[in-house]
Amino acid sequence: MILYIIYNTDLVEVAKPCKDRSTLEELTLAFVDDTAFVVIARDFHTTHHILKNMLECPGEGFNWSHAHNSRFKTNKFALMEFLMNRIKE
């Protein structure tokens, strides 16, 4: 378990700390060999853009995968979207 924590540290650090909590937030959740990137933003377009950057930008997810010889199986990726209902019933 400790070795996974050391091995995955760079991947977990892909999420950048939020500057303004009211606009967006990036998180990485990890347990052993499972990792989830979570983005909270005002709309789906913004969340998709941020998630894409978390994977494709230099030094991010896909670069970690290549550098650690740990290929992501993109057919196992899942994108879940949740919309907060702002109308109180």
PDB file of N, CA and C in Angstrom:
ATOM      1  N   MET A   1       0.827  -1.185   0.000  1.00  0.00           N
ATOM      2  CA  MET A   1       0.000   0.000   0.000  1.00  0.00           C
ATOM      3  C   MET A   1       0.877   1.257   0.000  1.00  0.00           C
ATOM      4  N   ILE A   2       1.903   1.286   0.820  1.00  0.00           N
ATOM      5  CA  ILE A   2       2.806   2.434   0.894  1.00  0.00           C
ATOM      6  C   ILE A   2       3.488   2.657  -0.457  1.00  0.00           C
ATOM      7  N   LEU A   3       3.853   1.592  -1.144  1.00  0.00           N
ATOM      8  CA  LEU A   3       4.515   1.736  -2.438  1.00  0.00           C
ATOM      9  C   LEU A   3       3.591   2.376  -3.467  1.00  0.00           C
ATOM     10  N   TYR A   4       2.305   2.047  -3.448  1.00  0.00           N
ATOM     11  CA  TYR A   4       1.349   2.700  -4.352  1.00  0.00           C
ATOM     12  C   TYR A   4       1.264   4.196  -4.071  1.00  0.00           C
ATOM     13  N   ILE A   5       1.288   4.571  -2.817  1.00  0.00           N
ATOM     14  CA  ILE A   5       1.230   5.991  -2.456  1.00  0.00           C
ATOM     15  C   ILE A   5       2.436   6.725  -3.035  1.00  0.00           C
ATOM     16  N   ILE A   6       3.599   6.141  -2.903  1.00  0.00           N
ATOM     17  CA  ILE A   6       4.817   6.756  -3.439  1.00  0.00           C
ATOM     18  C   ILE A   6       4.772   6.784  -4.964  1.00  0.00           C
ATOM     19  N   TYR A   7       4.355   5.677  -5.573  1.00  0.00           N
ATOM     20  CA  TYR A   7       4.331   5.542  -7.032  1.00  0.00           C
ATOM     21  C   TYR A   7       3.345   6.523  -7.662  1.00  0.00           C
ATOM     22  N   ASN A   8       2.190   6.718  -7.055  1.00  0.00           N
ATOM     23  CA  ASN A   8       1.120   7.536  -7.635  1.00  0.00           C
ATOM     24  C   ASN A   8       1.148   9.000  -7.213  1.00  0.00           C
ATOM     25  N   THR A   9       2.123   9.407  -6.430  1.00  0.00           N
ATOM     26  CA  THR A   9       2.153  10.774  -5.908  1.00  0.00           C
ATOM     27  C   THR A   9       2.050  11.822  -7.013  1.00  0.00           C
ATOM     28  N   ASP A  10       2.822  11.688  -8.080  1.00  0.00           N
ATOM     29  CA  ASP A  10       2.787  12.678  -9.159  1.00  0.00           C
ATOM     30  C   ASP A  10       1.428  12.722  -9.847  1.00  0.00           C
ATOM     31  N   LEU A  11       0.765  11.580  -9.968  1.00  0.00           N
ATOM     32  CA  LEU A  11      -0.556  11.549 -10.592  1.00  0.00           C
ATOM     33  C   LEU A  11      -1.583  12.235  -9.712  1.00  0.00           C
ATOM     34  N   VAL A  12      -1.494  12.020  -8.426  1.00  0.00           N
ATOM     35  CA  VAL A  12      -2.436  12.647  -7.490  1.00  0.00           C
ATOM     36  C   VAL A  12      -2.249  14.161  -7.477  1.00  0.00           C
ATOM     37  N   GLU A  13      -1.049  14.632  -7.748  1.00  0.00           N
ATOM     38  CA  GLU A  13      -0.765  16.066  -7.731  1.00  0.00           C
ATOM     39  C   GLU A  13      -1.145  16.774  -9.034  1.00  0.00           C
ATOM     40  N   VAL A  14      -1.780  16.065  -9.976  1.00  0.00           N
ATOM     41  CA  VAL A  14      -2.224  16.682 -11.227  1.00  0.00           C
ATOM     42  C   VAL A  14      -3.247  17.779 -10.945  1.00  0.00           C
ATOM     43  N   ALA A  15      -4.120  17.569  -9.985  1.00  0.00           N
ATOM     44  CA  ALA A  15      -5.132  18.580  -9.644  1.00  0.00           C
ATOM     45  C   ALA A  15      -4.459  19.799  -9.038  1.00  0.00           C
ATOM     46  N   LYS A  16      -4.833  20.946  -9.536  1.00  0.00           N
ATOM     47  CA  LYS A  16      -4.284  22.198  -9.013  1.00  0.00           C
ATOM     48  C   LYS A  16      -5.191  22.714  -7.900  1.00  0.00           C
ATOM     49  N   PRO A  17      -4.626  23.299  -6.865  1.00  0.00           N
ATOM     50  CA  PRO A  17      -5.470  23.861  -5.793  1.00  0.00           C
ATOM     51  C   PRO A  17      -6.325  24.999  -6.335  1.00  0.00           C
ATOM     52  N   CYS A  18      -7.552  25.094  -5.848  1.00  0.00           N
ATOM     53  CA  CYS A  18      -8.452  26.132  -6.353  1.00  0.00           C
ATOM     54  C   CYS A  18      -8.057  27.494  -5.792  1.00  0.00           C
ATOM     55  N   LYS A  19      -8.210  28.506  -6.619  1.00  0.00           N
ATOM     56  CA  LYS A  19      -7.898  29.874  -6.199  1.00  0.00           C
ATOM     57  C   LYS A  19      -9.147  30.571  -5.690  1.00  0.00           C
ATOM     58  N   ASP A  20     -10.258  30.314  -6.353  1.00  0.00           N
ATOM     59  CA  ASP A  20     -11.520  30.934  -5.966  1.00  0.00           C
ATOM     60  C   ASP A  20     -12.562  29.827  -5.857  1.00  0.00           C
ATOM     61  N   ARG A  21     -12.845  29.393  -4.673  1.00  0.00           N
ATOM     62  CA  ARG A  21     -13.714  28.240  -4.429  1.00  0.00           C
ATOM     63  C   ARG A  21     -15.099  28.402  -5.054  1.00  0.00           C
ATOM     64  N   SER A  22     -15.543  29.622  -5.311  1.00  0.00           N
ATOM     65  CA  SER A  22     -16.867  29.828  -5.866  1.00  0.00           C
ATOM     66  C   SER A  22     -16.933  29.523  -7.364  1.00  0.00           C
ATOM     67  N   THR A  23     -15.789  29.458  -8.053  1.00  0.00           N
ATOM     68  CA  THR A  23     -15.837  29.248  -9.487  1.00  0.00           C
ATOM     69  C   THR A  23     -15.529  27.823  -9.902  1.00  0.00           C
ATOM     70  N   LEU A  24     -14.469  27.224  -9.422  1.00  0.00           N
ATOM     71  CA  LEU A  24     -14.151  25.860  -9.813  1.00  0.00           C
ATOM     72  C   LEU A  24     -13.238  25.213  -8.790  1.00  0.00           C
ATOM     73  N   GLU A  25     -13.168  23.904  -8.904  1.00  0.00           N
ATOM     74  CA  GLU A  25     -12.292  23.161  -8.008  1.00  0.00           C
ATOM     75  C   GLU A  25     -11.829  21.905  -8.715  1.00  0.00           C
ATOM     76  N   GLU A  26     -10.562  21.560  -8.553  1.00  0.00           N
ATOM     77  CA  GLU A  26      -9.988  20.332  -9.100  1.00  0.00           C
ATOM     78  C   GLU A  26      -9.575  19.446  -7.933  1.00  0.00           C
ATOM     79  N   LEU A  27      -9.916  18.178  -8.020  1.00  0.00           N
ATOM     80  CA  LEU A  27      -9.552  17.225  -6.985  1.00  0.00           C
ATOM     81  C   LEU A  27      -9.055  15.937  -7.631  1.00  0.00           C
ATOM     82  N   THR A  28      -8.217  15.229  -6.928  1.00  0.00           N
ATOM     83  CA  THR A  28      -7.833  13.891  -7.340  1.00  0.00           C
ATOM     84  C   THR A  28      -8.096  12.964  -6.166  1.00  0.00           C
ATOM     85  N   LEU A  29      -8.843  11.912  -6.435  1.00  0.00           N
ATOM     86  CA  LEU A  29      -9.116  10.899  -5.419  1.00  0.00           C
ATOM     87  C   LEU A  29      -8.386   9.633  -5.833  1.00  0.00           C
ATOM     88  N   ALA A  30      -7.678   9.015  -4.922  1.00  0.00           N
ATOM     89  CA  ALA A  30      -6.921   7.819  -5.266  1.00  0.00           C
ATOM     90  C   ALA A  30      -6.986   6.794  -4.147  1.00  0.00           C
ATOM     91  N   PHE A  31      -7.068   5.531  -4.551  1.00  0.00           N
ATOM     92  CA  PHE A  31      -6.978   4.417  -3.621  1.00  0.00           C
ATOM     93  C   PHE A  31      -6.267   3.297  -4.343  1.00  0.00           C
ATOM     94  N   VAL A  32      -5.110   2.935  -3.856  1.00  0.00           N
ATOM     95  CA  VAL A  32      -4.237   1.909  -4.431  1.00  0.00           C
ATOM     96  C   VAL A  32      -4.027   2.203  -5.918  1.00  0.00           C
ATOM     97  N   ASP A  33      -4.619   1.411  -6.845  1.00  0.00           N
ATOM     98  CA  ASP A  33      -4.364   1.638  -8.270  1.00  0.00           C
ATOM     99  C   ASP A  33      -5.548   2.272  -8.999  1.00  0.00           C
ATOM    100  N   ASP A  34      -6.505   2.814  -8.267  1.00  0.00           N
ATOM    101  CA  ASP A  34      -7.644   3.512  -8.868  1.00  0.00           C
ATOM    102  C   ASP A  34      -7.517   5.006  -8.588  1.00  0.00           C
ATOM    103  N   THR A  35      -7.736   5.800  -9.616  1.00  0.00           N
ATOM    104  CA  THR A  35      -7.635   7.250  -9.483  1.00  0.00           C
ATOM    105  C   THR A  35      -8.829   7.895 -10.161  1.00  0.00           C
ATOM    106  N   ALA A  36      -9.348   8.941  -9.548  1.00  0.00           N
ATOM    107  CA  ALA A  36     -10.450   9.698 -10.134  1.00  0.00           C
ATOM    108  C   ALA A  36     -10.086  11.176 -10.137  1.00  0.00           C
ATOM    109  N   PHE A  37     -10.265  11.803 -11.291  1.00  0.00           N
ATOM    110  CA  PHE A  37     -10.128  13.254 -11.398  1.00  0.00           C
ATOM    111  C   PHE A  37     -11.527  13.842 -11.269  1.00  0.00           C
ATOM    112  N   VAL A  38     -11.676  14.811 -10.391  1.00  0.00           N
ATOM    113  CA  VAL A  38     -12.971  15.434 -10.135  1.00  0.00           C
ATOM    114  C   VAL A  38     -12.836  16.930 -10.379  1.00  0.00           C
ATOM    115  N   VAL A  39     -13.786  17.488 -11.115  1.00  0.00           N
ATOM    116  CA  VAL A  39     -13.798  18.928 -11.376  1.00  0.00           C
ATOM    117  C   VAL A  39     -15.177  19.457 -11.025  1.00  0.00           C
ATOM    118  N   ILE A  40     -15.197  20.538 -10.283  1.00  0.00           N
ATOM    119  CA  ILE A  40     -16.446  21.213  -9.933  1.00  0.00           C
ATOM    120  C   ILE A  40     -16.380  22.597 -10.570  1.00  0.00           C
ATOM    121  N   ALA A  41     -17.349  22.894 -11.432  1.00  0.00           N
ATOM    122  CA  ALA A  41     -17.388  24.188 -12.121  1.00  0.00           C
ATOM    123  C   ALA A  41     -18.836  24.562 -12.412  1.00  0.00           C
ATOM    124  N   ARG A  42     -19.013  25.737 -12.989  1.00  0.00           N
ATOM    125  CA  ARG A  42     -20.364  26.256 -13.237  1.00  0.00           C
ATOM    126  C   ARG A  42     -21.108  25.534 -14.358  1.00  0.00           C
ATOM    127  N   ASP A  43     -20.385  24.999 -15.369  1.00  0.00           N
ATOM    128  CA  ASP A  43     -21.073  24.339 -16.486  1.00  0.00           C
ATOM    129  C   ASP A  43     -20.238  23.161 -16.985  1.00  0.00           C
ATOM    130  N   PHE A  44     -20.887  22.310 -17.794  1.00  0.00           N
ATOM    131  CA  PHE A  44     -20.226  21.106 -18.287  1.00  0.00           C
ATOM    132  C   PHE A  44     -19.103  21.429 -19.260  1.00  0.00           C
ATOM    133  N   HIS A  45     -19.243  22.460 -20.059  1.00  0.00           N
ATOM    134  CA  HIS A  45     -18.187  22.832 -21.006  1.00  0.00           C
ATOM    135  C   HIS A  45     -16.879  23.128 -20.250  1.00  0.00           C
ATOM    136  N   THR A  46     -16.980  23.869 -19.167  1.00  0.00           N
ATOM    137  CA  THR A  46     -15.797  24.203 -18.365  1.00  0.00           C
ATOM    138  C   THR A  46     -15.198  22.960 -17.730  1.00  0.00           C
ATOM    139  N   THR A  47     -16.042  22.095 -17.181  1.00  0.00           N
ATOM    140  CA  THR A  47     -15.514  20.876 -16.544  1.00  0.00           C
ATOM    141  C   THR A  47     -14.827  19.985 -17.567  1.00  0.00           C
ATOM    142  N   HIS A  48     -15.394  19.856 -18.770  1.00  0.00           N
ATOM    143  CA  HIS A  48     -14.774  19.027 -19.807  1.00  0.00           C
ATOM    144  C   HIS A  48     -13.421  19.594 -20.216  1.00  0.00           C
ATOM    145  N   HIS A  49     -13.337  20.904 -20.351  1.00  0.00           N
ATOM    146  CA  HIS A  49     -12.081  21.557 -20.734  1.00  0.00           C
ATOM    147  C   HIS A  49     -11.002  21.320 -19.660  1.00  0.00           C
ATOM    148  N   ILE A  50     -11.378  21.474 -18.407  1.00  0.00           N
ATOM    149  CA  ILE A  50     -10.414  21.281 -17.310  1.00  0.00           C
ATOM    150  C   ILE A  50      -9.971  19.822 -17.228  1.00  0.00           C
ATOM    151  N   LEU A  51     -10.914  18.887 -17.353  1.00  0.00           N
ATOM    152  CA  LEU A  51     -10.560  17.462 -17.331  1.00  0.00           C
ATOM    153  C   LEU A  51      -9.627  17.112 -18.486  1.00  0.00           C
ATOM    154  N   LYS A  52      -9.903  17.651 -19.663  1.00  0.00           N
ATOM    155  CA  LYS A  52      -9.040  17.411 -20.826  1.00  0.00           C
ATOM    156  C   LYS A  52      -7.629  17.912 -20.534  1.00  0.00           C
ATOM    157  N   ASN A  53      -7.517  19.102 -19.954  1.00  0.00           N
ATOM    158  CA  ASN A  53      -6.199  19.640 -19.607  1.00  0.00           C
ATOM    159  C   ASN A  53      -5.504  18.789 -18.558  1.00  0.00           C
ATOM    160  N   MET A  54      -6.268  18.260 -17.597  1.00  0.00           N
ATOM    161  CA  MET A  54      -5.669  17.426 -16.544  1.00  0.00           C
ATOM    162  C   MET A  54      -5.050  16.162 -17.139  1.00  0.00           C
ATOM    163  N   LEU A  55      -5.536  15.727 -18.283  1.00  0.00           N
ATOM    164  CA  LEU A  55      -4.989  14.535 -18.928  1.00  0.00           C
ATOM    165  C   LEU A  55      -3.935  14.867 -19.979  1.00  0.00           C
ATOM    166  N   GLU A  56      -4.160  15.915 -20.769  1.00  0.00           N
ATOM    167  CA  GLU A  56      -3.346  16.132 -21.963  1.00  0.00           C
ATOM    168  C   GLU A  56      -2.238  17.168 -21.839  1.00  0.00           C
ATOM    169  N   CYS A  57      -2.319  18.102 -20.929  1.00  0.00           N
ATOM    170  CA  CYS A  57      -1.284  19.139 -20.827  1.00  0.00           C
ATOM    171  C   CYS A  57       0.057  18.526 -20.430  1.00  0.00           C
ATOM    172  N   PRO A  58       1.163  19.153 -20.840  1.00  0.00           N
ATOM    173  CA  PRO A  58       2.484  18.631 -20.480  1.00  0.00           C
ATOM    174  C   PRO A  58       2.630  18.465 -18.966  1.00  0.00           C
ATOM    175  N   GLY A  59       3.156  17.324 -18.562  1.00  0.00           N
ATOM    176  CA  GLY A  59       3.377  17.049 -17.152  1.00  0.00           C
ATOM    177  C   GLY A  59       2.144  16.543 -16.430  1.00  0.00           C
ATOM    178  N   GLU A  60       1.060  16.318 -17.158  1.00  0.00           N
ATOM    179  CA  GLU A  60      -0.186  15.894 -16.523  1.00  0.00           C
ATOM    180  C   GLU A  60      -0.422  14.393 -16.712  1.00  0.00           C
ATOM    181  N   GLY A  61      -1.656  13.956 -16.703  1.00  0.00           N
ATOM    182  CA  GLY A  61      -2.025  12.547 -16.642  1.00  0.00           C
ATOM    183  C   GLY A  61      -1.373  11.634 -17.663  1.00  0.00           C
ATOM    184  N   PHE A  62      -1.512  11.938 -18.959  1.00  0.00           N
ATOM    185  CA  PHE A  62      -0.961  11.044 -19.980  1.00  0.00           C
ATOM    186  C   PHE A  62       0.558  11.024 -19.938  1.00  0.00           C
ATOM    187  N   ASN A  63       1.191  12.156 -19.579  1.00  0.00           N
ATOM    188  CA  ASN A  63       2.647  12.155 -19.425  1.00  0.00           C
ATOM    189  C   ASN A  63       3.076  11.280 -18.252  1.00  0.00           C
ATOM    190  N   TRP A  64       2.330  11.331 -17.144  1.00  0.00           N
ATOM    191  CA  TRP A  64       2.615  10.466 -16.004  1.00  0.00           C
ATOM    192  C   TRP A  64       2.513   9.010 -16.433  1.00  0.00           C
ATOM    193  N   SER A  65       1.456   8.690 -17.173  1.00  0.00           N
ATOM    194  CA  SER A  65       1.222   7.327 -17.639  1.00  0.00           C
ATOM    195  C   SER A  65       2.408   6.818 -18.463  1.00  0.00           C
ATOM    196  N   HIS A  66       2.880   7.651 -19.373  1.00  0.00           N
ATOM    197  CA  HIS A  66       4.012   7.268 -20.219  1.00  0.00           C
ATOM    198  C   HIS A  66       5.300   7.138 -19.402  1.00  0.00           C
ATOM    199  N   ALA A  67       5.572   8.117 -18.544  1.00  0.00           N
ATOM    200  CA  ALA A  67       6.809   8.117 -17.758  1.00  0.00           C
ATOM    201  C   ALA A  67       6.883   6.958 -16.771  1.00  0.00           C
ATOM    202  N   HIS A  68       5.730   6.502 -16.271  1.00  0.00           N
ATOM    203  CA  HIS A  68       5.703   5.423 -15.287  1.00  0.00           C
ATOM    204  C   HIS A  68       5.393   4.065 -15.898  1.00  0.00           C
ATOM    205  N   ASN A  69       5.384   4.021 -17.256  1.00  0.00           N
ATOM    206  CA  ASN A  69       5.095   2.780 -17.970  1.00  0.00           C
ATOM    207  C   ASN A  69       3.823   2.120 -17.421  1.00  0.00           C
ATOM    208  N   SER A  70       2.830   2.938 -17.199  1.00  0.00           N
ATOM    209  CA  SER A  70       1.556   2.480 -16.647  1.00  0.00           C
ATOM    210  C   SER A  70       0.449   3.048 -17.527  1.00  0.00           C
ATOM    211  N   ARG A  71       0.198   2.376 -18.631  1.00  0.00           N
ATOM    212  CA  ARG A  71      -0.744   2.880 -19.627  1.00  0.00           C
ATOM    213  C   ARG A  71      -2.166   2.912 -19.091  1.00  0.00           C
ATOM    214  N   PHE A  72      -2.838   4.032 -19.339  1.00  0.00           N
ATOM    215  CA  PHE A  72      -4.254   4.140 -18.992  1.00  0.00           C
ATOM    216  C   PHE A  72      -5.061   3.330 -19.996  1.00  0.00           C
ATOM    217  N   LYS A  73      -6.065   2.636 -19.526  1.00  0.00           N
ATOM    218  CA  LYS A  73      -6.999   1.960 -20.423  1.00  0.00           C
ATOM    219  C   LYS A  73      -8.188   2.893 -20.594  1.00  0.00           C
ATOM    220  N   THR A  74      -8.142   3.682 -21.657  1.00  0.00           N
ATOM    221  CA  THR A  74      -9.171   4.692 -21.846  1.00  0.00           C
ATOM    222  C   THR A  74     -10.559   4.094 -22.037  1.00  0.00           C
ATOM    223  N   ASN A  75     -10.647   2.814 -22.406  1.00  0.00           N
ATOM    224  CA  ASN A  75     -11.965   2.190 -22.510  1.00  0.00           C
ATOM    225  C   ASN A  75     -12.577   1.941 -21.124  1.00  0.00           C
ATOM    226  N   LYS A  76     -11.785   2.118 -20.081  1.00  0.00           N
ATOM    227  CA  LYS A  76     -12.303   1.999 -18.712  1.00  0.00           C
ATOM    228  C   LYS A  76     -12.637   3.359 -18.102  1.00  0.00           C
ATOM    229  N   PHE A  77     -12.337   4.436 -18.816  1.00  0.00           N
ATOM    230  CA  PHE A  77     -12.644   5.779 -18.319  1.00  0.00           C
ATOM    231  C   PHE A  77     -14.156   5.953 -18.233  1.00  0.00           C
ATOM    232  N   ALA A  78     -14.593   6.742 -17.291  1.00  0.00           N
ATOM    233  CA  ALA A  78     -16.010   7.077 -17.167  1.00  0.00           C
ATOM    234  C   ALA A  78     -16.124   8.572 -16.904  1.00  0.00           C
ATOM    235  N   LEU A  79     -17.107   9.175 -17.515  1.00  0.00           N
ATOM    236  CA  LEU A  79     -17.378  10.586 -17.295  1.00  0.00           C
ATOM    237  C   LEU A  79     -18.774  10.673 -16.703  1.00  0.00           C
ATOM    238  N   MET A  80     -18.841  11.150 -15.477  1.00  0.00           N
ATOM    239  CA  MET A  80     -20.131  11.320 -14.815  1.00  0.00           C
ATOM    240  C   MET A  80     -20.361  12.795 -14.607  1.00  0.00           C
ATOM    241  N   GLU A  81     -21.536  13.245 -14.993  1.00  0.00           N
ATOM    242  CA  GLU A  81     -21.873  14.650 -14.848  1.00  0.00           C
ATOM    243  C   GLU A  81     -23.070  14.781 -13.917  1.00  0.00           C
ATOM    244  N   PHE A  82     -22.972  15.727 -13.015  1.00  0.00           N
ATOM    245  CA  PHE A  82     -24.055  15.993 -12.079  1.00  0.00           C
ATOM    246  C   PHE A  82     -24.404  17.470 -12.163  1.00  0.00           C
ATOM    247  N   LEU A  83     -25.674  17.756 -12.167  1.00  0.00           N
ATOM    248  CA  LEU A  83     -26.140  19.122 -12.220  1.00  0.00           C
ATOM    249  C   LEU A  83     -26.834  19.439 -10.903  1.00  0.00           C
ATOM    250  N   MET A  84     -26.445  20.559 -10.308  1.00  0.00           N
ATOM    251  CA  MET A  84     -27.067  20.949  -9.054  1.00  0.00           C
ATOM    252  C   MET A  84     -28.356  21.709  -9.360  1.00  0.00           C
ATOM    253  N   ASN A  85     -29.429  21.241  -8.813  1.00  0.00           N
ATOM    254  CA  ASN A  85     -30.720  21.900  -8.993  1.00  0.00           C
ATOM    255  C   ASN A  85     -30.761  23.141  -8.113  1.00  0.00           C
ATOM    256  N   ARG A  86     -30.824  24.299  -8.714  1.00  0.00           N
ATOM    257  CA  ARG A  86     -30.806  25.545  -7.957  1.00  0.00           C
ATOM    258  C   ARG A  86     -32.205  26.007  -7.548  1.00  0.00           C
ATOM    259  N   ILE A  87     -33.224  25.313  -8.004  1.00  0.00           N
ATOM    260  CA  ILE A  87     -34.595  25.668  -7.653  1.00  0.00           C
ATOM    261  C   ILE A  87     -35.032  24.827  -6.470  1.00  0.00           C
ATOM    262  N   LYS A  88     -35.371  25.473  -5.373  1.00  0.00           N
ATOM    263  CA  LYS A  88     -35.824  24.752  -4.188  1.00  0.00           C
ATOM    264  C   LYS A  88     -37.303  24.493  -4.299  1.00  0.00           C
ATOM    265  N   GLU A  89     -37.684  23.266  -4.042  1.00  0.00           N
ATOM    266  CA  GLU A  89     -39.092  22.890  -4.138  1.00  0.00           C
ATOM    267  C   GLU A  89     -39.745  22.910  -2.786  1.00  0.00           C
TER     268      GLU A  89
END
